[in-house]
Each structure stands twice: as structure tokens, then as C-alpha cells.
């Protein structure tokens, strides 16, 4: 890809994708590509600061478990801006569900392998699975 292709390429990205490029994935892009992404946001009449309210940290300063932000989510209190606390909590609960699922699978797999008496006790898998399951359970309960 040549430098001349950057504006056209960035124009094909969604607003969310451009924000991710300029924030979370900044280290993966050349300076010319980043400049093209900034110019594309400006063409659309947007700024990075449009994606956070003044009382919140900018959207790109908070990191959640999955590394995703729903910048299209909005509420009436922030004038269509995302409520980062609710976005963060939703991602945390999604990750908690995955932790519970995978933790349960690790525990069950370790228990089955141990009970099958294949010559070793798979306590490591059971401990790991139990810890991951309860971590997910605690995170799913927290506010």
C-alpha cells in the first residue's frame, strides 16, 4: 500500500474503527496512515474527544478485558455519547461469563481425566479451572 492509498482506505472504515486505529491500535500504523485517519474523522465532523464526556476519561484511556468499545452506544445524559462505565461493566460481565464457562470446562476435564485413572492426577487443571470459574463468578456478581 502506498501513502496515496491511505485516505481512500481510511474513508472505508467506520467511525468506531477509525477511533480504534487512532487509539488502541496506534502502534500498528504508520504516521501517514494515522494522519489520514485523523483527516477522515475531521471530514466527518468528528473528533476523538467526541467519544467521551468531560467527566470521563477519553474512550481510548480505559482498557477493558476484550479491548472493544461500543462507541455507538449512547444515552440521553451524555448527549449520545457512550456511558463508559456501563460499556466497561458490560464487557466485564461478558468476560466473566467466558471465565465461568472455560473454568468449568478445565475443571471438568481435569476431574474426568483424574477419574479415568490415566496414570496421573490432573489437579493442576482442576485448580486452574476452579480459580477461573470463581473469578468469573465474582466478576459477574460485582457492580
C-alpha atoms as a PDB file:
ATOM      1  CA  UNK A   1       0.000   0.000   0.000  1.00  0.00           C
ATOM      2  CA  UNK A   2       1.331   3.405  -0.900  1.00  0.00           C
ATOM      3  CA  UNK A   3       0.931   6.619   1.038  1.00  0.00           C
ATOM      4  CA  UNK A   4      -1.522   7.820  -1.597  1.00  0.00           C
ATOM      5  CA  UNK A   5      -3.853   4.903  -0.766  1.00  0.00           C
ATOM      6  CA  UNK A   6      -4.249   5.828   2.921  1.00  0.00           C
ATOM      7  CA  UNK A   7      -7.039   8.430   2.549  1.00  0.00           C
ATOM      8  CA  UNK A   8      -9.154   6.080   0.437  1.00  0.00           C
ATOM      9  CA  UNK A   9      -8.533   3.179   2.812  1.00  0.00           C
ATOM     10  CA  UNK A  10      -9.393   5.229   5.900  1.00  0.00           C
ATOM     11  CA  UNK A  11     -12.555   6.520   4.227  1.00  0.00           C
ATOM     12  CA  UNK A  12     -13.818   2.936   4.048  1.00  0.00           C
ATOM     13  CA  UNK A  13     -13.549   2.494   7.843  1.00  0.00           C
ATOM     14  CA  UNK A  14     -16.410   3.064  10.272  1.00  0.00           C
ATOM     15  CA  UNK A  15     -16.214   5.758  12.949  1.00  0.00           C
ATOM     16  CA  UNK A  16     -15.566   3.070  15.559  1.00  0.00           C
ATOM     17  CA  UNK A  17     -12.760   1.585  13.501  1.00  0.00           C
ATOM     18  CA  UNK A  18     -11.110   4.971  12.987  1.00  0.00           C
ATOM     19  CA  UNK A  19     -11.190   5.675  16.716  1.00  0.00           C
ATOM     20  CA  UNK A  20      -9.637   2.273  17.431  1.00  0.00           C
ATOM     21  CA  UNK A  21      -6.921   2.932  14.848  1.00  0.00           C
ATOM     22  CA  UNK A  22      -6.129   6.297  16.411  1.00  0.00           C
ATOM     23  CA  UNK A  23      -6.130   4.972  19.956  1.00  0.00           C
ATOM     24  CA  UNK A  24      -5.911   1.275  20.769  1.00  0.00           C
ATOM     25  CA  UNK A  25      -4.091   0.228  17.589  1.00  0.00           C
ATOM     26  CA  UNK A  26      -1.973   3.351  17.096  1.00  0.00           C
ATOM     27  CA  UNK A  27       1.310   1.429  17.363  1.00  0.00           C
ATOM     28  CA  UNK A  28       0.321  -0.789  14.420  1.00  0.00           C
ATOM     29  CA  UNK A  29       0.041   2.024  11.876  1.00  0.00           C
ATOM     30  CA  UNK A  30       2.482   4.274  10.066  1.00  0.00           C
ATOM     31  CA  UNK A  31       2.329   8.028  10.810  1.00  0.00           C
ATOM     32  CA  UNK A  32       0.916   8.730   7.334  1.00  0.00           C
ATOM     33  CA  UNK A  33      -1.935   6.277   7.914  1.00  0.00           C
ATOM     34  CA  UNK A  34      -2.707   7.852  11.285  1.00  0.00           C
ATOM     35  CA  UNK A  35      -2.779  11.283   9.694  1.00  0.00           C
ATOM     36  CA  UNK A  36      -5.192  10.014   7.046  1.00  0.00           C
ATOM     37  CA  UNK A  37      -7.420   8.548   9.782  1.00  0.00           C
ATOM     38  CA  UNK A  38      -7.433  11.879  11.662  1.00  0.00           C
ATOM     39  CA  UNK A  39      -8.284  13.740   8.457  1.00  0.00           C
ATOM     40  CA  UNK A  40     -11.126  11.316   7.726  1.00  0.00           C
ATOM     41  CA  UNK A  41     -12.607  11.887  11.188  1.00  0.00           C
ATOM     42  CA  UNK A  42     -12.359  15.642  10.617  1.00  0.00           C
ATOM     43  CA  UNK A  43     -14.124  15.263   7.213  1.00  0.00           C
ATOM     44  CA  UNK A  44     -16.958  13.529   9.058  1.00  0.00           C
ATOM     45  CA  UNK A  45     -17.103  16.403  11.536  1.00  0.00           C
ATOM     46  CA  UNK A  46     -15.840  14.274  14.421  1.00  0.00           C
ATOM     47  CA  UNK A  47     -13.007  14.477  16.947  1.00  0.00           C
ATOM     48  CA  UNK A  48     -11.632  11.856  19.324  1.00  0.00           C
ATOM     49  CA  UNK A  49     -12.973  13.941  22.199  1.00  0.00           C
ATOM     50  CA  UNK A  50     -16.474  13.387  20.750  1.00  0.00           C
ATOM     51  CA  UNK A  51     -16.358   9.859  22.110  1.00  0.00           C
ATOM     52  CA  UNK A  52     -16.158  10.716  25.830  1.00  0.00           C
ATOM     53  CA  UNK A  53     -17.889  13.173  28.115  1.00  0.00           C
ATOM     54  CA  UNK A  54     -15.860  15.797  30.006  1.00  0.00           C
ATOM     55  CA  UNK A  55     -16.346  13.968  33.311  1.00  0.00           C
ATOM     56  CA  UNK A  56     -14.989  10.742  31.863  1.00  0.00           C
ATOM     57  CA  UNK A  57     -11.578   9.687  30.735  1.00  0.00           C
ATOM     58  CA  UNK A  58     -11.281   9.618  26.958  1.00  0.00           C
ATOM     59  CA  UNK A  59     -12.578   6.438  25.359  1.00  0.00           C
ATOM     60  CA  UNK A  60      -9.093   5.303  24.494  1.00  0.00           C
ATOM     61  CA  UNK A  61      -7.635   5.593  28.012  1.00  0.00           C
ATOM     62  CA  UNK A  62      -9.745   2.838  29.565  1.00  0.00           C
ATOM     63  CA  UNK A  63      -8.853  -0.724  28.754  1.00  0.00           C
ATOM     64  CA  UNK A  64     -11.346  -3.489  29.211  1.00  0.00           C
ATOM     65  CA  UNK A  65     -10.924  -7.228  29.096  1.00  0.00           C
ATOM     66  CA  UNK A  66     -11.805  -7.651  25.451  1.00  0.00           C
ATOM     67  CA  UNK A  67     -10.259  -4.452  24.134  1.00  0.00           C
ATOM     68  CA  UNK A  68     -13.516  -3.373  22.499  1.00  0.00           C
ATOM     69  CA  UNK A  69     -15.583  -0.244  22.917  1.00  0.00           C
ATOM     70  CA  UNK A  70     -19.120   0.312  21.794  1.00  0.00           C
ATOM     71  CA  UNK A  71     -18.723   3.927  20.720  1.00  0.00           C
ATOM     72  CA  UNK A  72     -22.135   3.914  19.065  1.00  0.00           C
ATOM     73  CA  UNK A  73     -23.879   3.290  22.373  1.00  0.00           C
ATOM     74  CA  UNK A  74     -25.354   6.409  23.849  1.00  0.00           C
ATOM     75  CA  UNK A  75     -27.663   7.746  26.470  1.00  0.00           C
ATOM     76  CA  UNK A  76     -29.584  10.951  26.869  1.00  0.00           C
ATOM     77  CA  UNK A  77     -27.469  12.187  29.794  1.00  0.00           C
ATOM     78  CA  UNK A  78     -24.299  12.410  27.716  1.00  0.00           C
ATOM     79  CA  UNK A  79     -25.913  13.703  24.536  1.00  0.00           C
ATOM     80  CA  UNK A  80     -25.486  10.484  22.567  1.00  0.00           C
ATOM     81  CA  UNK A  81     -22.030   9.842  23.971  1.00  0.00           C
ATOM     82  CA  UNK A  82     -21.280   6.395  25.345  1.00  0.00           C
ATOM     83  CA  UNK A  83     -21.528   5.887  29.078  1.00  0.00           C
ATOM     84  CA  UNK A  84     -18.086   4.368  29.554  1.00  0.00           C
ATOM     85  CA  UNK A  85     -18.926   2.912  32.954  1.00  0.00           C
ATOM     86  CA  UNK A  86     -21.796   0.890  31.515  1.00  0.00           C
ATOM     87  CA  UNK A  87     -19.742  -0.133  28.477  1.00  0.00           C
ATOM     88  CA  UNK A  88     -16.903  -1.246  30.737  1.00  0.00           C
ATOM     89  CA  UNK A  89     -19.292  -3.149  33.039  1.00  0.00           C
ATOM     90  CA  UNK A  90     -20.963  -4.874  30.070  1.00  0.00           C
ATOM     91  CA  UNK A  91     -17.585  -6.021  28.766  1.00  0.00           C
ATOM     92  CA  UNK A  92     -16.547  -7.130  32.239  1.00  0.00           C
ATOM     93  CA  UNK A  93     -19.704  -9.228  32.595  1.00  0.00           C
ATOM     94  CA  UNK A  94     -19.194 -10.718  29.126  1.00  0.00           C
ATOM     95  CA  UNK A  95     -15.652 -11.710  30.091  1.00  0.00           C
ATOM     96  CA  UNK A  96     -16.926 -13.079  33.427  1.00  0.00           C
ATOM     97  CA  UNK A  97     -19.282 -15.402  31.553  1.00  0.00           C
ATOM     98  CA  UNK A  98     -16.405 -16.667  29.424  1.00  0.00           C
ATOM     99  CA  UNK A  99     -14.257 -17.190  32.531  1.00  0.00           C
ATOM    100  CA  UNK A 100     -17.018 -19.242  34.145  1.00  0.00           C
ATOM    101  CA  UNK A 101     -17.506 -21.358  31.020  1.00  0.00           C
ATOM    102  CA  UNK A 102     -13.823 -22.066  30.389  1.00  0.00           C
ATOM    103  CA  UNK A 103     -13.082 -22.510  34.087  1.00  0.00           C
ATOM    104  CA  UNK A 104     -15.848 -25.061  34.341  1.00  0.00           C
ATOM    105  CA  UNK A 105     -14.553 -26.882  31.273  1.00  0.00           C
ATOM    106  CA  UNK A 106     -10.989 -27.006  32.638  1.00  0.00           C
ATOM    107  CA  UNK A 107     -12.223 -28.268  35.990  1.00  0.00           C
ATOM    108  CA  UNK A 108     -14.478 -30.909  34.430  1.00  0.00           C
ATOM    109  CA  UNK A 109     -11.753 -32.031  32.030  1.00  0.00           C
ATOM    110  CA  UNK A 110      -9.250 -32.373  34.873  1.00  0.00           C
ATOM    111  CA  UNK A 111     -11.757 -34.244  37.009  1.00  0.00           C
ATOM    112  CA  UNK A 112     -12.705 -36.635  34.202  1.00  0.00           C
ATOM    113  CA  UNK A 113      -9.062 -37.314  33.339  1.00  0.00           C
ATOM    114  CA  UNK A 114      -8.279 -37.966  37.006  1.00  0.00           C
ATOM    115  CA  UNK A 115     -11.264 -40.273  37.457  1.00  0.00           C
ATOM    116  CA  UNK A 116     -10.390 -42.145  34.253  1.00  0.00           C
ATOM    117  CA  UNK A 117      -7.150 -43.089  36.024  1.00  0.00           C
ATOM    118  CA  UNK A 118      -4.912 -42.457  33.038  1.00  0.00           C
ATOM    119  CA  UNK A 119      -1.885 -42.644  35.296  1.00  0.00           C
ATOM    120  CA  UNK A 120      -1.738 -39.091  36.594  1.00  0.00           C
ATOM    121  CA  UNK A 121      -3.797 -36.792  38.715  1.00  0.00           C
ATOM    122  CA  UNK A 122      -4.792 -33.699  36.808  1.00  0.00           C
ATOM    123  CA  UNK A 123      -5.132 -31.492  39.870  1.00  0.00           C
ATOM    124  CA  UNK A 124      -3.488 -28.565  38.068  1.00  0.00           C
ATOM    125  CA  UNK A 125      -6.288 -28.388  35.520  1.00  0.00           C
ATOM    126  CA  UNK A 126      -8.876 -28.671  38.279  1.00  0.00           C
ATOM    127  CA  UNK A 127      -7.267 -25.918  40.386  1.00  0.00           C
ATOM    128  CA  UNK A 128      -6.828 -23.645  37.360  1.00  0.00           C
ATOM    129  CA  UNK A 129     -10.407 -24.275  36.254  1.00  0.00           C
ATOM    130  CA  UNK A 130     -11.791 -23.702  39.732  1.00  0.00           C
ATOM    131  CA  UNK A 131      -9.925 -20.419  40.124  1.00  0.00           C
ATOM    132  CA  UNK A 132     -11.004 -19.198  36.699  1.00  0.00           C
ATOM    133  CA  UNK A 133     -14.620 -20.230  37.346  1.00  0.00           C
ATOM    134  CA  UNK A 134     -14.807 -18.423  40.690  1.00  0.00           C
ATOM    135  CA  UNK A 135     -13.048 -15.364  39.272  1.00  0.00           C
ATOM    136  CA  UNK A 136     -15.765 -15.215  36.620  1.00  0.00           C
ATOM    137  CA  UNK A 137     -18.488 -15.797  39.194  1.00  0.00           C
ATOM    138  CA  UNK A 138     -17.227 -12.958  41.393  1.00  0.00           C
ATOM    139  CA  UNK A 139     -16.885 -10.585  38.418  1.00  0.00           C
ATOM    140  CA  UNK A 140     -20.383 -11.402  37.219  1.00  0.00           C
ATOM    141  CA  UNK A 141     -21.805 -10.508  40.650  1.00  0.00           C
ATOM    142  CA  UNK A 142     -19.926  -7.232  41.114  1.00  0.00           C
ATOM    143  CA  UNK A 143     -21.497  -3.898  40.262  1.00  0.00           C
END
